[in-house]
PDB file of N, CA and C in Angstrom:
ATOM      1  N   MET A   1     -56.842 221.270  50.500  1.00  0.00           N
ATOM      2  CA  MET A   1     -55.491 221.867  50.898  1.00  0.00           C
ATOM      3  C   MET A   1     -55.783 222.535  52.441  1.00  0.00           C
ATOM      4  N   LYS A   2     -56.954 222.792  52.837  1.00  0.00           N
ATOM      5  CA  LYS A   2     -57.350 223.562  54.384  1.00  0.00           C
ATOM      6  C   LYS A   2     -57.419 222.272  54.980  1.00  0.00           C
ATOM      7  N   ASN A   3     -57.765 221.118  54.935  1.00  0.00           N
ATOM      8  CA  ASN A   3     -57.946 219.666  55.691  1.00  0.00           C
ATOM      9  C   ASN A   3     -56.768 219.047  56.108  1.00  0.00           C
ATOM     10  N   PHE A   4     -55.487 219.757  55.067  1.00  0.00           N
ATOM     11  CA  PHE A   4     -54.143 218.944  55.272  1.00  0.00           C
ATOM     12  C   PHE A   4     -53.359 219.793  56.313  1.00  0.00           C
ATOM     13  N   VAL A   5     -53.615 221.282  55.978  1.00  0.00           N
ATOM     14  CA  VAL A   5     -52.972 222.216  57.348  1.00  0.00           C
ATOM     15  C   VAL A   5     -53.766 221.853  58.643  1.00  0.00           C
ATOM     16  N   GLY A   6     -55.096 221.770  58.504  1.00  0.00           N
ATOM     17  CA  GLY A   6     -55.362 221.540  59.727  1.00  0.00           C
ATOM     18  C   GLY A   6     -55.151 220.174  60.409  1.00  0.00           C
ATOM     19  N   VAL A   7     -54.989 218.928  59.842  1.00  0.00           N
ATOM     20  CA  VAL A   7     -54.553 217.914  59.832  1.00  0.00           C
ATOM     21  C   VAL A   7     -52.781 218.194  60.827  1.00  0.00           C
ATOM     22  N   LEU A   8     -52.336 219.049  60.082  1.00  0.00           N
ATOM     23  CA  LEU A   8     -50.733 218.777  60.759  1.00  0.00           C
ATOM     24  C   LEU A   8     -51.008 219.888  61.886  1.00  0.00           C
ATOM     25  N   ILE A   9     -51.725 221.186  62.009  1.00  0.00           N
ATOM     26  CA  ILE A   9     -51.666 221.622  63.328  1.00  0.00           C
ATOM     27  C   ILE A   9     -52.486 220.780  64.392  1.00  0.00           C
ATOM     28  N   ALA A  10     -53.330 219.732  64.234  1.00  0.00           N
ATOM     29  CA  ALA A  10     -53.706 219.224  65.353  1.00  0.00           C
ATOM     30  C   ALA A  10     -52.992 218.213  65.644  1.00  0.00           C
ATOM     31  N   VAL A  11     -51.877 217.460  64.976  1.00  0.00           N
ATOM     32  CA  VAL A  11     -50.852 216.551  64.982  1.00  0.00           C
ATOM     33  C   VAL A  11     -49.610 217.039  65.892  1.00  0.00           C
ATOM     34  N   LEU A  12     -49.536 218.630  65.522  1.00  0.00           N
ATOM     35  CA  LEU A  12     -48.557 219.001  66.227  1.00  0.00           C
ATOM     36  C   LEU A  12     -48.943 219.306  67.911  1.00  0.00           C
ATOM     37  N   VAL A  13     -49.985 219.799  67.887  1.00  0.00           N
ATOM     38  CA  VAL A  13     -50.773 219.849  69.081  1.00  0.00           C
ATOM     39  C   VAL A  13     -50.996 218.756  70.205  1.00  0.00           C
ATOM     40  N   ILE A  14     -51.138 217.937  69.684  1.00  0.00           N
ATOM     41  CA  ILE A  14     -51.350 216.671  70.091  1.00  0.00           C
ATOM     42  C   ILE A  14     -49.787 216.252  70.716  1.00  0.00           C
ATOM     43  N   TYR A  15     -48.728 216.535  69.547  1.00  0.00           N
ATOM     44  CA  TYR A  15     -47.257 216.541  70.043  1.00  0.00           C
ATOM     45  C   TYR A  15     -46.923 217.074  71.284  1.00  0.00           C
ATOM     46  N   VAL A  16     -47.434 218.278  71.367  1.00  0.00           N
ATOM     47  CA  VAL A  16     -46.880 219.058  72.152  1.00  0.00           C
ATOM     48  C   VAL A  16     -47.598 218.801  73.245  1.00  0.00           C
ATOM     49  N   ILE A  17     -48.684 218.524  73.490  1.00  0.00           N
ATOM     50  CA  ILE A  17     -49.394 218.376  74.838  1.00  0.00           C
ATOM     51  C   ILE A  17     -48.455 216.683  75.623  1.00  0.00           C
ATOM     52  N   TYR A  18     -48.402 215.765  74.357  1.00  0.00           N
ATOM     53  CA  TYR A  18     -47.916 214.588  74.726  1.00  0.00           C
ATOM     54  C   TYR A  18     -46.351 214.898  75.638  1.00  0.00           C
ATOM     55  N   PHE A  19     -45.639 215.705  74.716  1.00  0.00           N
ATOM     56  CA  PHE A  19     -44.511 216.152  75.104  1.00  0.00           C
ATOM     57  C   PHE A  19     -44.358 216.762  76.639  1.00  0.00           C
ATOM     58  N   ASP A  20     -45.611 217.517  76.619  1.00  0.00           N
ATOM     59  CA  ASP A  20     -45.630 218.507  78.015  1.00  0.00           C
ATOM     60  C   ASP A  20     -46.035 217.509  79.267  1.00  0.00           C
ATOM     61  N   LEU A  21     -46.999 216.327  78.881  1.00  0.00           N
ATOM     62  CA  LEU A  21     -46.882 215.777  79.522  1.00  0.00           C
ATOM     63  C   LEU A  21     -45.935 214.764  80.394  1.00  0.00           C
ATOM     64  N   THR A  22     -45.123 214.008  79.810  1.00  0.00           N
ATOM     65  CA  THR A  22     -44.273 212.853  79.942  1.00  0.00           C
ATOM     66  C   THR A  22     -43.226 213.987  79.958  1.00  0.00           C
ATOM     67  N   VAL A  23     -42.254 214.186  79.115  1.00  0.00           N
ATOM     68  CA  VAL A  23     -41.147 214.846  79.814  1.00  0.00           C
ATOM     69  C   VAL A  23     -41.110 216.352  80.620  1.00  0.00           C
ATOM     70  N   GLY A  24     -42.594 217.014  80.077  1.00  0.00           N
ATOM     71  CA  GLY A  24     -42.221 218.366  81.001  1.00  0.00           C
ATOM     72  C   GLY A  24     -41.653 219.628  80.637  1.00  0.00           C
ATOM     73  N   THR A  25     -41.822 220.597  80.623  1.00  0.00           N
ATOM     74  CA  THR A  25     -40.829 221.679  80.576  1.00  0.00           C
ATOM     75  C   THR A  25     -40.503 222.846  81.240  1.00  0.00           C
ATOM     76  N   LEU A  26     -40.592 222.383  82.487  1.00  0.00           N
ATOM     77  CA  LEU A  26     -39.877 222.945  83.508  1.00  0.00           C
ATOM     78  C   LEU A  26     -39.008 222.187  84.309  1.00  0.00           C
ATOM     79  N   PRO A  27     -37.571 223.097  84.347  1.00  0.00           N
ATOM     80  CA  PRO A  27     -36.447 222.312  85.308  1.00  0.00           C
ATOM     81  C   PRO A  27     -36.635 221.528  86.584  1.00  0.00           C
ATOM     82  N   SER A  28     -36.082 220.563  86.826  1.00  0.00           N
ATOM     83  CA  SER A  28     -36.629 220.125  88.037  1.00  0.00           C
ATOM     84  C   SER A  28     -35.347 220.409  88.861  1.00  0.00           C
ATOM     85  N   LEU A  29     -36.776 220.507  90.015  1.00  0.00           N
ATOM     86  CA  LEU A  29     -35.434 220.828  91.413  1.00  0.00           C
ATOM     87  C   LEU A  29     -35.128 219.968  92.203  1.00  0.00           C
ATOM     88  N   ALA A  30     -35.138 218.547  91.335  1.00  0.00           N
ATOM     89  CA  ALA A  30     -34.259 217.369  92.516  1.00  0.00           C
ATOM     90  C   ALA A  30     -32.707 217.589  92.348  1.00  0.00           C
ATOM     91  N   ASN A  31     -32.155 218.305  91.240  1.00  0.00           N
ATOM     92  CA  ASN A  31     -30.425 217.853  91.455  1.00  0.00           C
ATOM     93  C   ASN A  31     -29.681 219.249  92.256  1.00  0.00           C
ATOM     94  N   GLN A  32     -30.422 219.549  93.175  1.00  0.00           N
ATOM     95  CA  GLN A  32     -29.638 220.346  93.722  1.00  0.00           C
ATOM     96  C   GLN A  32     -28.544 220.202  94.571  1.00  0.00           C
ATOM     97  N   HIS A  33     -27.711 220.992  94.035  1.00  0.00           N
ATOM     98  CA  HIS A  33     -26.274 220.858  95.411  1.00  0.00           C
ATOM     99  C   HIS A  33     -25.641 222.156  95.021  1.00  0.00           C
ATOM    100  N   VAL A  34     -24.419 221.846  96.032  1.00  0.00           N
ATOM    101  CA  VAL A  34     -23.529 223.201  96.484  1.00  0.00           C
ATOM    102  C   VAL A  34     -22.165 222.882  95.604  1.00  0.00           C
ATOM    103  N   GLU A  35     -21.704 223.815  94.436  1.00  0.00           N
ATOM    104  CA  GLU A  35     -20.602 223.630  94.126  1.00  0.00           C
ATOM    105  C   GLU A  35     -19.345 225.007  94.364  1.00  0.00           C
ATOM    106  N   LYS A  36     -18.189 224.387  94.652  1.00  0.00           N
ATOM    107  CA  LYS A  36     -17.690 225.166  95.229  1.00  0.00           C
ATOM    108  C   LYS A  36     -16.215 225.426  93.920  1.00  0.00           C
ATOM    109  N   SER A  37     -15.909 226.674  93.647  1.00  0.00           N
ATOM    110  CA  SER A  37     -14.719 226.972  93.090  1.00  0.00           C
ATOM    111  C   SER A  37     -13.827 228.043  93.572  1.00  0.00           C
ATOM    112  N   VAL A  38     -12.414 227.889  92.806  1.00  0.00           N
ATOM    113  CA  VAL A  38     -11.703 228.833  93.442  1.00  0.00           C
ATOM    114  C   VAL A  38     -11.086 229.875  92.364  1.00  0.00           C
ATOM    115  N   ASN A  39     -11.039 231.275  92.593  1.00  0.00           N
ATOM    116  CA  ASN A  39     -11.262 232.152  91.635  1.00  0.00           C
ATOM    117  C   ASN A  39      -9.993 232.309  91.748  1.00  0.00           C
ATOM    118  N   GLN A  40      -9.344 233.252  90.833  1.00  0.00           N
ATOM    119  CA  GLN A  40      -7.952 233.842  90.647  1.00  0.00           C
ATOM    120  C   GLN A  40      -7.425 234.134  91.730  1.00  0.00           C
ATOM    121  N   HIS A  41      -8.122 234.812  92.764  1.00  0.00           N
ATOM    122  CA  HIS A  41      -7.181 235.529  93.858  1.00  0.00           C
ATOM    123  C   HIS A  41      -6.947 234.573  94.832  1.00  0.00           C
ATOM    124  N   GLY A  42      -7.786 233.215  94.735  1.00  0.00           N
ATOM    125  CA  GLY A  42      -7.632 231.807  95.831  1.00  0.00           C
ATOM    126  C   GLY A  42      -8.676 232.366  96.706  1.00  0.00           C
ATOM    127  N   GLU A  43      -9.889 233.292  96.263  1.00  0.00           N
ATOM    128  CA  GLU A  43     -11.319 232.803  97.291  1.00  0.00           C
ATOM    129  C   GLU A  43     -12.052 231.916  96.565  1.00  0.00           C
ATOM    130  N   ILE A  44     -12.535 231.447  97.526  1.00  0.00           N
ATOM    131  CA  ILE A  44     -13.708 230.029  97.586  1.00  0.00           C
ATOM    132  C   ILE A  44     -14.816 230.793  97.353  1.00  0.00           C
ATOM    133  N   ASN A  45     -15.358 230.201  95.988  1.00  0.00           N
ATOM    134  CA  ASN A  45     -16.877 230.689  95.885  1.00  0.00           C
ATOM    135  C   ASN A  45     -17.388 229.827  95.633  1.00  0.00           C
ATOM    136  N   GLU A  46     -19.069 229.687  96.325  1.00  0.00           N
ATOM    137  CA  GLU A  46     -19.998 228.481  96.750  1.00  0.00           C
ATOM    138  C   GLU A  46     -21.161 228.984  95.439  1.00  0.00           C
ATOM    139  N   ALA A  47     -21.283 227.943  94.744  1.00  0.00           N
ATOM    140  CA  ALA A  47     -22.689 227.895  93.686  1.00  0.00           C
ATOM    141  C   ALA A  47     -23.517 227.071  94.648  1.00  0.00           C
ATOM    142  N   ILE A  48     -24.599 227.690  95.051  1.00  0.00           N
ATOM    143  CA  ILE A  48     -25.778 227.496  95.951  1.00  0.00           C
ATOM    144  C   ILE A  48     -27.028 227.071  94.972  1.00  0.00           C
ATOM    145  N   GLN A  49     -27.717 226.164  95.001  1.00  0.00           N
ATOM    146  CA  GLN A  49     -29.073 226.264  94.798  1.00  0.00           C
ATOM    147  C   GLN A  49     -29.876 225.707  96.138  1.00  0.00           C
ATOM    148  N   ASN A  50     -30.583 227.186  95.982  1.00  0.00           N
ATOM    149  CA  ASN A  50     -31.347 227.351  97.153  1.00  0.00           C
ATOM    150  C   ASN A  50     -33.105 226.366  96.831  1.00  0.00           C
ATOM    151  N   PRO A  51     -33.533 225.714  97.345  1.00  0.00           N
ATOM    152  CA  PRO A  51     -34.852 225.476  96.952  1.00  0.00           C
ATOM    153  C   PRO A  51     -35.563 226.545  97.062  1.00  0.00           C
ATOM    154  N   LYS A  52     -35.452 227.189  97.793  1.00  0.00           N
ATOM    155  CA  LYS A  52     -36.413 228.801  98.396  1.00  0.00           C
ATOM    156  C   LYS A  52     -36.414 229.676  97.097  1.00  0.00           C
ATOM    157  N   MET A  53     -35.453 229.775  96.677  1.00  0.00           N
ATOM    158  CA  MET A  53     -35.011 230.714  95.345  1.00  0.00           C
ATOM    159  C   MET A  53     -35.345 229.779  93.978  1.00  0.00           C
ATOM    160  N   ALA A  54     -34.594 228.535  94.011  1.00  0.00           N
ATOM    161  CA  ALA A  54     -34.449 227.857  92.972  1.00  0.00           C
ATOM    162  C   ALA A  54     -33.610 228.916  91.645  1.00  0.00           C
ATOM    163  N   LEU A  55     -32.547 229.431  92.102  1.00  0.00           N
ATOM    164  CA  LEU A  55     -31.422 229.629  91.494  1.00  0.00           C
ATOM    165  C   LEU A  55     -30.258 229.847  92.083  1.00  0.00           C
ATOM    166  N   PRO A  56     -29.387 229.389  91.126  1.00  0.00           N
ATOM    167  CA  PRO A  56     -28.683 229.165  91.635  1.00  0.00           C
ATOM    168  C   PRO A  56     -27.241 230.501  91.865  1.00  0.00           C
ATOM    169  N   TYR A  57     -26.487 230.731  92.731  1.00  0.00           N
ATOM    170  CA  TYR A  57     -25.939 231.977  93.278  1.00  0.00           C
ATOM    171  C   TYR A  57     -24.704 231.513  93.942  1.00  0.00           C
ATOM    172  N   PHE A  58     -23.664 232.676  93.753  1.00  0.00           N
ATOM    173  CA  PHE A  58     -22.204 232.964  94.756  1.00  0.00           C
ATOM    174  C   PHE A  58     -22.486 234.369  95.377  1.00  0.00           C
ATOM    175  N   ASP A  59     -21.687 233.947  96.359  1.00  0.00           N
ATOM    176  CA  ASP A  59     -21.724 235.187  97.516  1.00  0.00           C
ATOM    177  C   ASP A  59     -20.468 236.105  97.064  1.00  0.00           C
ATOM    178  N   ALA A  60     -20.209 237.441  96.727  1.00  0.00           N
ATOM    179  CA  ALA A  60     -19.385 238.148  96.731  1.00  0.00           C
ATOM    180  C   ALA A  60     -19.376 239.441  97.268  1.00  0.00           C
ATOM    181  N   LYS A  61     -18.486 239.651  97.628  1.00  0.00           N
ATOM    182  CA  LYS A  61     -17.837 241.545  98.247  1.00  0.00           C
ATOM    183  C   LYS A  61     -17.775 242.409  97.355  1.00  0.00           C
ATOM    184  N   VAL A  62     -18.148 243.696  97.392  1.00  0.00           N
ATOM    185  CA  VAL A  62     -18.172 244.911  96.222  1.00  0.00           C
ATOM    186  C   VAL A  62     -16.964 245.050  96.461  1.00  0.00           C
ATOM    187  N   GLU A  63     -16.260 245.277  95.704  1.00  0.00           N
ATOM    188  CA  GLU A  63     -15.111 246.310  95.681  1.00  0.00           C
ATOM    189  C   GLU A  63     -15.004 247.584  94.656  1.00  0.00           C
ATOM    190  N   PRO A  64     -14.471 248.441  94.676  1.00  0.00           N
ATOM    191  CA  PRO A  64     -14.105 249.889  94.239  1.00  0.00           C
ATOM    192  C   PRO A  64     -14.455 249.681  92.863  1.00  0.00           C
ATOM    193  N   GLY A  65     -15.429 250.041  92.205  1.00  0.00           N
ATOM    194  CA  GLY A  65     -15.420 249.928  90.345  1.00  0.00           C
ATOM    195  C   GLY A  65     -16.313 249.258  89.788  1.00  0.00           C
ATOM    196  N   GLN A  66     -17.036 248.599  90.564  1.00  0.00           N
ATOM    197  CA  GLN A  66     -17.482 247.046  90.191  1.00  0.00           C
ATOM    198  C   GLN A  66     -19.055 246.828  89.941  1.00  0.00           C
ATOM    199  N   THR A  67     -19.433 246.249  89.230  1.00  0.00           N
ATOM    200  CA  THR A  67     -20.773 246.773  88.991  1.00  0.00           C
ATOM    201  C   THR A  67     -21.480 245.100  88.983  1.00  0.00           C
ATOM    202  N   VAL A  68     -22.730 244.721  88.791  1.00  0.00           N
ATOM    203  CA  VAL A  68     -23.185 243.307  89.293  1.00  0.00           C
ATOM    204  C   VAL A  68     -22.856 242.791  87.762  1.00  0.00           C
ATOM    205  N   ILE A  69     -22.743 243.705  86.465  1.00  0.00           N
ATOM    206  CA  ILE A  69     -22.302 243.058  85.320  1.00  0.00           C
ATOM    207  C   ILE A  69     -21.053 242.395  85.854  1.00  0.00           C
ATOM    208  N   SER A  70     -20.046 243.291  85.966  1.00  0.00           N
ATOM    209  CA  SER A  70     -18.482 242.851  86.104  1.00  0.00           C
ATOM    210  C   SER A  70     -18.050 241.695  87.535  1.00  0.00           C
ATOM    211  N   VAL A  71     -19.008 241.668  88.299  1.00  0.00           N
ATOM    212  CA  VAL A  71     -18.997 240.649  89.056  1.00  0.00           C
ATOM    213  C   VAL A  71     -19.460 239.692  88.304  1.00  0.00           C
ATOM    214  N   VAL A  72     -20.417 239.089  88.151  1.00  0.00           N
ATOM    215  CA  VAL A  72     -20.916 238.252  87.346  1.00  0.00           C
ATOM    216  C   VAL A  72     -19.952 237.652  86.165  1.00  0.00           C
ATOM    217  N   GLU A  73     -19.691 238.567  85.408  1.00  0.00           N
ATOM    218  CA  GLU A  73     -18.891 238.276  83.858  1.00  0.00           C
ATOM    219  C   GLU A  73     -17.575 237.611  84.472  1.00  0.00           C
ATOM    220  N   HIS A  74     -16.641 238.284  86.057  1.00  0.00           N
ATOM    221  CA  HIS A  74     -15.630 237.870  86.792  1.00  0.00           C
ATOM    222  C   HIS A  74     -15.718 236.695  87.085  1.00  0.00           C
ATOM    223  N   GLN A  75     -16.337 236.462  87.527  1.00  0.00           N
ATOM    224  CA  GLN A  75     -16.735 234.850  88.309  1.00  0.00           C
ATOM    225  C   GLN A  75     -16.807 233.909  86.868  1.00  0.00           C
ATOM    226  N   LEU A  76     -17.753 234.280  85.775  1.00  0.00           N
ATOM    227  CA  LEU A  76     -17.999 233.470  84.542  1.00  0.00           C
ATOM    228  C   LEU A  76     -16.089 233.101  83.628  1.00  0.00           C
ATOM    229  N   GLY A  77     -15.632 234.531  83.865  1.00  0.00           N
ATOM    230  CA  GLY A  77     -14.841 234.401  82.981  1.00  0.00           C
ATOM    231  C   GLY A  77     -14.920 234.411  81.452  1.00  0.00           C
ATOM    232  N   LYS A  78     -16.135 234.891  81.375  1.00  0.00           N
ATOM    233  CA  LYS A  78     -16.688 235.451  79.974  1.00  0.00           C
ATOM    234  C   LYS A  78     -17.714 236.361  80.225  1.00  0.00           C
ATOM    235  N   SER A  79     -18.560 236.455  78.861  1.00  0.00           N
ATOM    236  CA  SER A  79     -19.205 237.492  78.803  1.00  0.00           C
ATOM    237  C   SER A  79     -20.618 236.967  79.462  1.00  0.00           C
ATOM    238  N   LEU A  80     -21.969 237.758  79.886  1.00  0.00           N
ATOM    239  CA  LEU A  80     -22.812 237.135  80.213  1.00  0.00           C
ATOM    240  C   LEU A  80     -23.704 236.369  79.118  1.00  0.00           C
ATOM    241  N   PRO A  81     -24.051 235.117  79.465  1.00  0.00           N
ATOM    242  CA  PRO A  81     -25.143 234.172  78.639  1.00  0.00           C
ATOM    243  C   PRO A  81     -26.356 234.577  78.566  1.00  0.00           C
ATOM    244  N   VAL A  82     -27.104 235.784  79.607  1.00  0.00           N
ATOM    245  CA  VAL A  82     -28.488 235.758  79.588  1.00  0.00           C
ATOM    246  C   VAL A  82     -28.490 237.123  79.480  1.00  0.00           C
ATOM    247  N   SER A  83     -29.627 238.082  78.982  1.00  0.00           N
ATOM    248  CA  SER A  83     -29.627 239.453  78.951  1.00  0.00           C
ATOM    249  C   SER A  83     -29.673 240.108  80.026  1.00  0.00           C
ATOM    250  N   ILE A  84     -29.235 241.500  79.943  1.00  0.00           N
ATOM    251  CA  ILE A  84     -29.209 242.338  81.144  1.00  0.00           C
ATOM    252  C   ILE A  84     -30.068 242.397  82.204  1.00  0.00           C
ATOM    253  N   SER A  85     -31.483 242.248  81.583  1.00  0.00           N
ATOM    254  CA  SER A  85     -32.402 242.582  82.201  1.00  0.00           C
ATOM    255  C   SER A  85     -33.251 241.064  83.525  1.00  0.00           C
ATOM    256  N   ASP A  86     -32.312 240.273  82.126  1.00  0.00           N
ATOM    257  CA  ASP A  86     -32.767 238.740  83.343  1.00  0.00           C
ATOM    258  C   ASP A  86     -31.894 238.593  84.107  1.00  0.00           C
ATOM    259  N   LEU A  87     -30.386 239.363  84.455  1.00  0.00           N
ATOM    260  CA  LEU A  87     -29.681 239.369  85.593  1.00  0.00           C
ATOM    261  C   LEU A  87     -29.754 240.413  86.321  1.00  0.00           C
ATOM    262  N   ILE A  88     -30.829 241.360  85.785  1.00  0.00           N
ATOM    263  CA  ILE A  88     -31.131 242.591  86.862  1.00  0.00           C
ATOM    264  C   ILE A  88     -31.778 241.691  87.729  1.00  0.00           C
ATOM    265  N   ASN A  89     -32.969 241.320  87.357  1.00  0.00           N
ATOM    266  CA  ASN A  89     -34.456 240.547  87.602  1.00  0.00           C
ATOM    267  C   ASN A  89     -33.769 239.820  88.738  1.00  0.00           C
ATOM    268  N   ASP A  90     -32.756 238.755  88.185  1.00  0.00           N
ATOM    269  CA  ASP A  90     -32.103 237.363  88.977  1.00  0.00           C
ATOM    270  C   ASP A  90     -31.579 237.864  90.587  1.00  0.00           C
ATOM    271  N   PHE A  91     -31.034 239.384  90.227  1.00  0.00           N
ATOM    272  CA  PHE A  91     -30.350 240.015  91.387  1.00  0.00           C
ATOM    273  C   PHE A  91     -31.247 240.864  92.135  1.00  0.00           C
ATOM    274  N   LYS A  92     -32.292 241.121  91.830  1.00  0.00           N
ATOM    275  CA  LYS A  92     -33.329 241.268  92.922  1.00  0.00           C
ATOM    276  C   LYS A  92     -33.911 240.329  93.332  1.00  0.00           C
ATOM    277  N   LYS A  93     -34.313 239.123  92.908  1.00  0.00           N
ATOM    278  CA  LYS A  93     -34.867 238.377  93.591  1.00  0.00           C
ATOM    279  C   LYS A  93     -34.005 237.628  94.853  1.00  0.00           C
ATOM    280  N   LEU A  94     -32.684 237.449  94.647  1.00  0.00           N
ATOM    281  CA  LEU A  94     -31.852 236.813  95.425  1.00  0.00           C
ATOM    282  C   LEU A  94     -31.439 237.963  96.549  1.00  0.00           C
ATOM    283  N   ASN A  95     -31.700 239.097  96.559  1.00  0.00           N
ATOM    284  CA  ASN A  95     -31.304 240.173  97.465  1.00  0.00           C
ATOM    285  C   ASN A  95     -32.392 241.287  97.970  1.00  0.00           C
ATOM    286  N   GLU A  96     -33.656 239.892  98.314  1.00  0.00           N
ATOM    287  CA  GLU A  96     -34.810 241.134  98.851  1.00  0.00           C
ATOM    288  C   GLU A  96     -34.749 242.320  97.878  1.00  0.00           C
ATOM    289  N   GLY A  97     -34.717 242.132  96.690  1.00  0.00           N
ATOM    290  CA  GLY A  97     -35.449 243.663  96.032  1.00  0.00           C
ATOM    291  C   GLY A  97     -34.706 244.720  95.959  1.00  0.00           C
ATOM    292  N   GLN A  98     -33.032 244.349  96.558  1.00  0.00           N
ATOM    293  CA  GLN A  98     -32.286 245.581  96.242  1.00  0.00           C
ATOM    294  C   GLN A  98     -32.078 246.142  94.922  1.00  0.00           C
ATOM    295  N   SER A  99     -31.840 246.689  94.601  1.00  0.00           N
ATOM    296  CA  SER A  99     -31.692 247.196  93.105  1.00  0.00           C
ATOM    297  C   SER A  99     -30.227 247.140  92.972  1.00  0.00           C
ATOM    298  N   PRO A 100     -29.523 246.655  91.965  1.00  0.00           N
ATOM    299  CA  PRO A 100     -28.255 246.440  91.218  1.00  0.00           C
ATOM    300  C   PRO A 100     -27.454 247.944  91.177  1.00  0.00           C
ATOM    301  N   GLU A 101     -28.223 249.027  90.785  1.00  0.00           N
ATOM    302  CA  GLU A 101     -27.744 250.283  90.647  1.00  0.00           C
ATOM    303  C   GLU A 101     -26.868 250.752  91.636  1.00  0.00           C
ATOM    304  N   LYS A 102     -27.961 250.595  93.008  1.00  0.00           N
ATOM    305  CA  LYS A 102     -27.489 251.105  94.546  1.00  0.00           C
ATOM    306  C   LYS A 102     -26.376 249.852  95.036  1.00  0.00           C
ATOM    307  N   ILE A 103     -25.984 249.104  94.540  1.00  0.00           N
ATOM    308  CA  ILE A 103     -24.953 248.452  95.547  1.00  0.00           C
ATOM    309  C   ILE A 103     -23.871 249.366  96.074  1.00  0.00           C
ATOM    310  N   LYS A 104     -23.207 248.707  97.627  1.00  0.00           N
ATOM    311  CA  LYS A 104     -22.317 249.763  98.254  1.00  0.00           C
ATOM    312  C   LYS A 104     -20.850 248.836  98.297  1.00  0.00           C
ATOM    313  N   ILE A 105     -20.029 249.316  98.046  1.00  0.00           N
ATOM    314  CA  ILE A 105     -18.622 249.146  98.188  1.00  0.00           C
ATOM    315  C   ILE A 105     -18.561 248.332  99.573  1.00  0.00           C
ATOM    316  N   GLY A 106     -17.935 246.880  99.603  1.00  0.00           N
ATOM    317  CA  GLY A 106     -17.257 246.719 100.968  1.00  0.00           C
ATOM    318  C   GLY A 106     -18.511 245.731 101.358  1.00  0.00           C
ATOM    319  N   VAL A 107     -19.942 245.487 100.777  1.00  0.00           N
ATOM    320  CA  VAL A 107     -20.934 244.605 101.408  1.00  0.00           C
ATOM    321  C   VAL A 107     -20.984 243.444 100.199  1.00  0.00           C
ATOM    322  N   THR A 108     -21.309 242.775 101.079  1.00  0.00           N
ATOM    323  CA  THR A 108     -21.505 241.271 100.305  1.00  0.00           C
ATOM    324  C   THR A 108     -23.050 240.769 100.030  1.00  0.00           C
ATOM    325  N   TYR A 109     -23.270 240.297  98.343  1.00  0.00           N
ATOM    326  CA  TYR A 109     -24.214 240.205  97.989  1.00  0.00           C
ATOM    327  C   TYR A 109     -24.109 238.904  97.450  1.00  0.00           C
ATOM    328  N   HIS A 110     -25.506 238.369  97.225  1.00  0.00           N
ATOM    329  CA  HIS A 110     -25.810 237.081  96.511  1.00  0.00           C
ATOM    330  C   HIS A 110     -25.410 237.330  94.709  1.00  0.00           C
ATOM    331  N   PHE A 111     -25.189 237.118  94.193  1.00  0.00           N
ATOM    332  CA  PHE A 111     -25.050 236.988  92.782  1.00  0.00           C
ATOM    333  C   PHE A 111     -25.683 235.806  91.840  1.00  0.00           C
ATOM    334  N   PRO A 112     -26.424 235.968  90.629  1.00  0.00           N
ATOM    335  CA  PRO A 112     -26.435 234.573  90.244  1.00  0.00           C
ATOM    336  C   PRO A 112     -25.536 234.159  89.191  1.00  0.00           C
ATOM    337  N   ASP A 113     -25.671 232.900  89.416  1.00  0.00           N
ATOM    338  CA  ASP A 113     -25.134 232.026  88.986  1.00  0.00           C
ATOM    339  C   ASP A 113     -24.856 231.056  87.514  1.00  0.00           C
ATOM    340  N   TYR A 114     -24.653 231.851  86.434  1.00  0.00           N
ATOM    341  CA  TYR A 114     -24.830 231.275  85.246  1.00  0.00           C
ATOM    342  C   TYR A 114     -23.874 230.859  84.773  1.00  0.00           C
ATOM    343  N   SER A 115     -22.861 229.618  85.593  1.00  0.00           N
ATOM    344  CA  SER A 115     -21.902 228.985  85.182  1.00  0.00           C
ATOM    345  C   SER A 115     -22.362 227.354  84.495  1.00  0.00           C
ATOM    346  N   ASN A 116     -23.782 227.237  84.955  1.00  0.00           N
ATOM    347  CA  ASN A 116     -24.217 225.807  84.087  1.00  0.00           C
ATOM    348  C   ASN A 116     -24.750 226.223  82.813  1.00  0.00           C
TER     349      ASN A 116
END
């Protein structure tokens, strides 16, 4: 029985190595483009995939009462598809370490675009 389990583990390891070398597990940067959309207020939003950041984003001006979560959910039209900690980390990456808790009304920030 130990030999059988050992053979199964060896086959699994070989398959994982083969898959990683042929298909890969990291996203490709080859298909980057700008997507434009119009929200409910007629404003044009751009989802940009920046090769330097490798994270699609859109720009939005913060209105009174808005949070990072509410802005992203409003853009998506549904609840967040990622965890809040991922959203916070992505927001900080896009805005040079700016804390999401300290956003200011009337300032335009880059928000991560999870529409894809």
